[in-house]
Amino acid sequence: MLRNSNASVTVEKETPLEVDSAFLTVTDLNPIDEESYNENIEQHLQSLARDGTQALLASLFSLPTSSSPDGPLAQLPPPTTNLPRAKPLPKPKPQTKWEAFAAAKGIQHKKRDRKVWDEERQEWINRWGRDGKNKQTEEQWITEVPLNADADYDPRKVSRDARKERIAKNAKQHAQNVARSIATAHPQETRKHEIEKTLASTRISTASMGKFDKKLEGEKKIRNVKRKFDPTEKSVTEEAKASVALLSKMESDAKKTRRDPQAEESVLNTRKAIRFASKGRGGLAMAKEAAAGGKGGRKRAGKR
């Protein structure tokens, strides 16, 4: 029960109560009345709860309100109490390569809708995913084939391969953005990891796997690195397989190094030579002139 049924709605204390309407909290900084506390603890706690609730309700009813279907709603002010965080504030993410380019050029990001309108079905369909617009060429029963297409041209396979390439390209760009953001956020850790990786690769490049190399101060010991020796005696089948694998590798390396010269890389610039010989009129005019000269020569030869 309350201390007094006729108590005033105005709460007056030596130290005013701190009311935070945003968090719906009331803080009472007044010292505890030891006599009232020892006399009846339940009534003392009810009195403190009544004063705090009355102060909170008075602050809420003094706030501006807005109408709604459920009735008037109070517009809470910004909080005044600073609450501690369990975790530190998240650091701002570094911009990706495209975001930096868009910011420099003033390009605004426009988010595309997940649904697109299909004129044939006369309904909204997914842009991606199941029954998506991007798979329409792969699933339709008839497809137009280009005139210069090969005999074994498969439009479904071409569309599917192009979609897979876009997915792989996006995944690669995402991985590059993640690596770039990590390097930007922790440059020292990234540099340290690169040095350790380079040191480990140089250590295992020797025949002894770095066993007799000079150790650096604070250098970590590489584990599970052992030199593998092939057996001196092999069966004929295994030796033939090893020889074929070595020859295939040599052939593939030779194909990589061998490169046919492109048309642009030839010594004679054909286009420039034709332009010079025709005095800027082009190869067609030069051919017509040569044809006309040949006819005139034959006519003159006939007259003679």
Protein backbone atom coordinates (compact mmCIF):
# COMPACT_ATOMS: atom_id res chain seq x y z
CA MET A 1 0.00 0.00 0.00
CA LEU A 2 1.07 3.58 -0.58
CA ARG A 3 2.25 5.79 2.18
CA ASN A 4 -0.58 8.29 1.76
CA SER A 5 -3.53 8.16 -0.65
CA ASN A 6 -3.70 11.97 -0.70
CA ALA A 7 -0.04 12.49 -1.55
CA SER A 8 0.80 15.31 -3.93
CA VAL A 9 1.55 14.61 -7.57
CA THR A 10 4.54 16.92 -7.29
CA VAL A 11 7.66 15.19 -5.99
CA GLU A 12 9.84 17.47 -3.89
CA LYS A 13 13.15 16.28 -2.45
CA GLU A 14 16.38 17.84 -1.27
CA THR A 15 18.17 16.55 -4.38
CA PRO A 16 15.90 16.62 -7.44
CA LEU A 17 15.35 13.32 -9.19
CA GLU A 18 17.20 12.79 -12.46
CA VAL A 19 14.66 11.74 -15.09
CA ASP A 20 15.71 10.40 -18.48
CA SER A 21 12.53 10.16 -20.54
CA ALA A 22 14.30 8.52 -23.48
CA PHE A 23 15.28 5.47 -21.42
CA LEU A 24 12.25 5.73 -19.06
CA THR A 25 14.55 5.77 -16.05
CA VAL A 26 14.63 7.78 -12.82
CA THR A 27 17.71 8.14 -10.63
CA ASP A 28 17.35 9.10 -6.94
CA LEU A 29 20.62 10.44 -5.50
CA ASN A 30 19.16 11.27 -2.07
CA PRO A 31 20.61 9.44 0.95
CA ILE A 32 18.50 6.65 2.47
CA ASP A 33 16.46 7.57 5.56
CA GLU A 34 17.82 5.02 8.03
CA GLU A 35 14.98 5.47 10.54
CA SER A 36 12.21 4.91 7.96
CA TYR A 37 14.17 2.05 6.41
CA ASN A 38 14.57 0.19 9.70
CA GLU A 39 11.00 0.88 10.81
CA ASN A 40 9.21 -0.58 7.75
CA ILE A 41 11.38 -1.53 4.77
CA GLU A 42 8.42 -2.49 2.57
CA GLN A 43 6.66 0.83 3.04
CA HIS A 44 9.93 2.71 2.50
CA LEU A 45 10.57 0.98 -0.83
CA GLN A 46 6.98 1.60 -1.96
CA SER A 47 7.39 5.30 -1.13
CA LEU A 48 10.58 5.54 -3.23
CA ALA A 49 8.93 3.68 -6.12
CA ARG A 50 5.88 5.97 -5.96
CA ASP A 51 8.02 9.15 -6.10
CA GLY A 52 10.08 7.86 -9.03
CA THR A 53 7.03 6.71 -11.00
CA GLN A 54 5.24 10.00 -10.38
CA ALA A 55 8.25 12.01 -11.58
CA LEU A 56 8.56 9.85 -14.72
CA LEU A 57 4.85 10.12 -15.58
CA ALA A 58 4.93 13.88 -15.05
CA SER A 59 7.86 14.20 -17.48
CA LEU A 60 6.13 12.00 -20.09
CA PHE A 61 2.87 13.98 -19.97
CA SER A 62 4.83 17.18 -20.52
CA LEU A 63 6.31 15.94 -23.82
CA PRO A 64 4.80 16.83 -27.23
CA THR A 65 2.48 14.19 -28.64
CA SER A 66 1.42 12.99 -32.08
CA SER A 67 -1.84 11.27 -33.06
CA SER A 68 -1.94 7.64 -34.20
CA PRO A 69 -4.61 4.94 -34.72
CA ASP A 70 -3.79 3.60 -31.24
CA GLY A 71 -4.09 7.02 -29.61
CA PRO A 72 -1.69 9.87 -28.80
CA LEU A 73 2.02 8.98 -28.72
CA ALA A 74 4.67 10.96 -26.84
CA GLN A 75 7.75 12.00 -28.79
CA LEU A 76 10.69 10.99 -26.63
CA PRO A 77 13.67 13.36 -26.49
CA PRO A 78 17.29 12.29 -27.05
CA PRO A 79 18.80 10.38 -24.09
CA THR A 80 20.82 12.25 -21.51
CA THR A 81 22.40 9.22 -19.83
CA ASN A 82 25.61 7.86 -21.35
CA LEU A 83 25.45 4.10 -21.20
CA PRO A 84 28.70 2.10 -21.41
CA ARG A 85 29.20 -0.18 -24.41
CA ALA A 86 30.06 -3.85 -24.07
CA LYS A 87 32.28 -3.60 -27.15
CA PRO A 88 34.18 -0.72 -28.75
CA LEU A 89 32.62 1.32 -31.53
CA PRO A 90 32.96 -0.34 -34.95
CA LYS A 91 35.58 1.24 -37.13
CA PRO A 92 34.40 2.69 -40.44
CA LYS A 93 34.95 0.29 -43.30
CA PRO A 94 37.50 1.45 -45.90
CA GLN A 95 36.10 2.24 -49.32
CA THR A 96 36.29 -0.32 -52.06
CA LYS A 97 37.94 0.48 -55.37
CA TRP A 98 34.60 1.21 -57.00
CA GLU A 99 33.34 3.30 -54.06
CA ALA A 100 36.47 5.46 -54.18
CA PHE A 101 36.08 5.90 -57.95
CA ALA A 102 32.37 6.75 -57.61
CA ALA A 103 33.09 9.29 -54.89
CA ALA A 104 35.79 10.94 -57.02
CA LYS A 105 33.54 11.10 -60.09
CA GLY A 106 30.38 12.04 -58.19
CA ILE A 107 28.52 8.85 -59.17
CA GLN A 108 25.55 8.12 -56.93
CA HIS A 109 24.72 4.54 -56.01
CA LYS A 110 21.33 3.39 -57.24
CA LYS A 111 20.03 0.20 -55.70
CA ARG A 112 18.27 -2.00 -58.22
CA ASP A 113 14.99 -3.65 -57.33
CA ARG A 114 14.87 -7.39 -56.74
CA LYS A 115 11.87 -7.72 -59.04
CA VAL A 116 11.64 -6.87 -62.75
CA TRP A 117 8.64 -6.81 -65.05
CA ASP A 118 8.39 -9.59 -67.64
CA GLU A 119 6.50 -8.51 -70.75
CA GLU A 120 5.83 -12.08 -71.92
CA ARG A 121 4.47 -13.39 -68.63
CA GLN A 122 2.93 -10.04 -67.65
CA GLU A 123 4.11 -10.44 -64.06
CA TRP A 124 6.96 -9.48 -61.74
CA ILE A 125 9.80 -12.00 -61.60
CA ASN A 126 13.06 -12.23 -59.70
CA ARG A 127 16.06 -10.44 -61.15
CA TRP A 128 18.42 -13.12 -59.79
CA GLY A 129 18.09 -16.54 -58.19
CA ARG A 130 15.41 -19.12 -58.91
CA ASP A 131 13.43 -18.39 -62.08
CA GLY A 132 15.47 -15.18 -62.38
CA LYS A 133 15.70 -12.87 -65.34
CA ASN A 134 19.41 -13.61 -65.67
CA LYS A 135 18.60 -17.29 -66.46
CA GLN A 136 15.96 -16.56 -69.06
CA THR A 137 18.20 -17.44 -72.02
CA GLU A 138 19.23 -20.71 -70.39
CA GLU A 139 15.67 -21.89 -69.74
CA GLN A 140 13.74 -20.74 -72.82
CA TRP A 141 12.87 -23.49 -75.32
CA ILE A 142 13.81 -21.53 -78.46
CA THR A 143 16.74 -19.15 -78.90
CA GLU A 144 17.95 -17.05 -81.80
CA VAL A 145 21.34 -18.15 -83.14
CA PRO A 146 23.73 -15.60 -84.75
CA LEU A 147 24.44 -15.96 -88.46
CA ASN A 148 28.20 -16.33 -87.95
CA ALA A 149 27.84 -18.97 -85.21
CA ASP A 150 29.54 -22.36 -85.44
CA ALA A 151 27.67 -25.55 -86.18
CA ASP A 152 27.97 -26.74 -82.55
CA TYR A 153 26.88 -23.37 -81.10
CA ASP A 154 24.86 -23.87 -77.90
CA PRO A 155 23.19 -20.64 -76.72
CA ARG A 156 22.30 -22.14 -73.35
CA LYS A 157 25.88 -23.11 -72.69
CA VAL A 158 27.16 -19.69 -73.82
CA SER A 159 24.70 -17.88 -71.54
CA ARG A 160 25.49 -20.18 -68.62
CA ASP A 161 29.26 -19.75 -69.07
CA ALA A 162 28.88 -15.96 -69.23
CA ARG A 163 26.85 -15.99 -66.01
CA LYS A 164 29.44 -18.19 -64.30
CA GLU A 165 32.21 -15.84 -65.43
CA ARG A 166 30.36 -12.87 -63.92
CA ILE A 167 29.94 -14.75 -60.65
CA ALA A 168 33.63 -15.66 -60.57
CA LYS A 169 34.61 -12.08 -61.41
CA ASN A 170 32.44 -10.70 -58.59
CA ALA A 171 33.89 -13.21 -56.14
CA LYS A 172 37.43 -12.26 -57.18
CA GLN A 173 36.69 -8.54 -56.80
CA HIS A 174 35.13 -9.18 -53.39
CA ALA A 175 38.23 -11.07 -52.24
CA GLN A 176 40.45 -8.24 -53.52
CA ASN A 177 38.33 -5.66 -51.66
CA VAL A 178 38.55 -7.67 -48.44
CA ALA A 179 42.33 -8.04 -48.78
CA ARG A 180 42.67 -4.33 -49.56
CA SER A 181 40.55 -3.35 -46.55
CA ILE A 182 42.61 -5.59 -44.24
CA ALA A 183 45.83 -4.12 -45.60
CA THR A 184 44.49 -0.59 -45.12
CA ALA A 185 43.24 -1.23 -41.60
CA HIS A 186 46.33 -3.16 -40.42
CA PRO A 187 49.30 -2.18 -42.60
CA GLN A 188 51.90 -3.34 -40.08
CA GLU A 189 50.34 -6.79 -39.68
CA THR A 190 50.05 -7.17 -43.44
CA ARG A 191 53.67 -6.20 -43.97
CA LYS A 192 54.78 -8.57 -41.22
CA HIS A 193 52.83 -11.44 -42.79
CA GLU A 194 54.39 -10.75 -46.21
CA ILE A 195 57.91 -10.74 -44.74
CA GLU A 196 57.29 -14.01 -42.89
CA LYS A 197 55.90 -15.61 -46.05
CA THR A 198 58.88 -14.48 -48.12
CA LEU A 199 61.32 -15.69 -45.46
CA ALA A 200 59.63 -19.09 -45.30
CA SER A 201 59.75 -19.50 -49.09
CA THR A 202 63.45 -18.60 -49.22
CA ARG A 203 64.23 -21.01 -46.42
CA ILE A 204 62.74 -24.04 -48.15
CA SER A 205 64.34 -23.14 -51.50
CA THR A 206 67.65 -24.74 -50.54
CA ALA A 207 68.37 -28.45 -50.76
CA SER A 208 68.62 -28.74 -46.98
CA MET A 209 65.30 -26.93 -46.45
CA GLY A 210 67.08 -24.16 -44.55
CA LYS A 211 68.61 -26.54 -42.01
CA PHE A 212 72.11 -24.98 -42.26
CA ASP A 213 71.00 -21.39 -42.88
CA LYS A 214 71.77 -18.64 -40.40
CA LYS A 215 68.87 -18.04 -38.03
CA LEU A 216 67.57 -14.55 -37.36
CA GLU A 217 66.79 -13.24 -33.91
CA GLY A 218 63.19 -14.03 -32.99
CA GLU A 219 62.69 -16.19 -36.06
CA LYS A 220 60.03 -18.86 -35.69
CA LYS A 221 60.78 -22.46 -36.47
CA ILE A 222 58.93 -23.85 -39.47
CA ARG A 223 57.18 -27.12 -38.71
CA ASN A 224 56.14 -29.98 -40.95
CA VAL A 225 58.63 -29.05 -43.67
CA LYS A 226 60.59 -32.07 -44.85
CA ARG A 227 62.40 -32.82 -48.06
CA LYS A 228 60.81 -35.59 -50.07
CA PHE A 229 63.09 -38.02 -51.86
CA ASP A 230 61.84 -40.22 -54.67
CA PRO A 231 62.76 -43.90 -54.47
CA THR A 232 65.82 -44.88 -56.46
CA GLU A 233 64.10 -47.93 -57.90
CA LYS A 234 60.75 -47.64 -59.66
CA SER A 235 58.60 -49.90 -61.71
CA VAL A 236 58.53 -49.46 -65.47
CA THR A 237 54.96 -48.13 -65.35
CA GLU A 238 55.72 -45.47 -62.73
CA GLU A 239 58.87 -44.38 -64.56
CA ALA A 240 56.93 -44.09 -67.84
CA LYS A 241 54.21 -42.00 -66.12
CA ALA A 242 56.85 -39.68 -64.62
CA SER A 243 58.54 -39.23 -68.00
CA VAL A 244 55.23 -38.47 -69.74
CA ALA A 245 54.31 -35.95 -67.03
CA LEU A 246 57.69 -34.23 -67.39
CA LEU A 247 57.35 -34.05 -71.19
CA SER A 248 53.80 -32.67 -70.89
CA LYS A 249 54.98 -29.99 -68.51
CA MET A 250 57.83 -29.03 -70.82
CA GLU A 251 55.46 -28.87 -73.78
CA SER A 252 52.98 -26.68 -71.90
CA ASP A 253 55.78 -24.33 -70.82
CA ALA A 254 56.99 -24.12 -74.41
CA LYS A 255 53.47 -23.25 -75.60
CA LYS A 256 53.24 -20.49 -73.03
CA THR A 257 56.53 -18.95 -74.13
CA ARG A 258 55.80 -19.36 -77.85
CA ARG A 259 53.59 -16.61 -79.22
CA ASP A 260 52.58 -15.86 -82.76
CA PRO A 261 53.19 -12.25 -83.83
CA GLN A 262 50.06 -10.16 -84.07
CA ALA A 263 49.15 -8.11 -87.11
CA GLU A 264 49.89 -4.91 -85.24
CA GLU A 265 53.35 -6.14 -84.31
CA SER A 266 54.60 -6.71 -87.90
CA VAL A 267 57.45 -4.59 -89.23
CA LEU A 268 55.35 -3.07 -92.06
CA ASN A 269 52.35 -0.99 -91.11
CA THR A 270 50.02 -1.96 -93.98
CA ARG A 271 47.38 0.65 -93.24
CA LYS A 272 49.90 3.47 -93.10
CA ALA A 273 51.57 2.28 -96.34
CA ILE A 274 48.23 2.22 -98.23
CA ARG A 275 47.35 5.67 -96.95
CA PHE A 276 50.73 7.01 -98.12
CA ALA A 277 50.57 5.34 -101.55
CA SER A 278 46.99 6.48 -102.23
CA LYS A 279 47.68 9.97 -100.85
CA GLY A 280 44.98 9.63 -98.23
CA ARG A 281 42.23 8.38 -100.59
CA GLY A 282 42.25 4.80 -99.32
CA GLY A 283 42.83 1.35 -100.73
CA LEU A 284 39.51 1.21 -102.65
CA ALA A 285 40.27 4.35 -104.66
CA MET A 286 43.75 3.04 -105.33
CA ALA A 287 42.34 -0.25 -106.67
CA LYS A 288 39.81 1.54 -108.92
CA GLU A 289 42.57 3.74 -110.32
CA ALA A 290 44.75 0.71 -111.03
CA ALA A 291 41.84 -1.04 -112.76
CA ALA A 292 41.09 2.01 -114.87
CA GLY A 293 44.73 2.32 -115.86
CA GLY A 294 44.82 -1.32 -116.92
CA LYS A 295 41.79 -0.93 -119.18
CA GLY A 296 43.23 2.20 -120.81
CA GLY A 297 46.51 0.43 -121.45
CA ARG A 298 44.77 -2.49 -123.16
CA LYS A 299 42.74 -0.11 -125.36
CA ARG A 300 45.84 1.78 -126.43
CA ALA A 301 47.60 -1.47 -127.18
CA GLY A 302 44.67 -2.55 -129.38
CA LYS A 303 44.70 0.70 -131.35
CA ARG A 304 48.33 0.33 -132.17
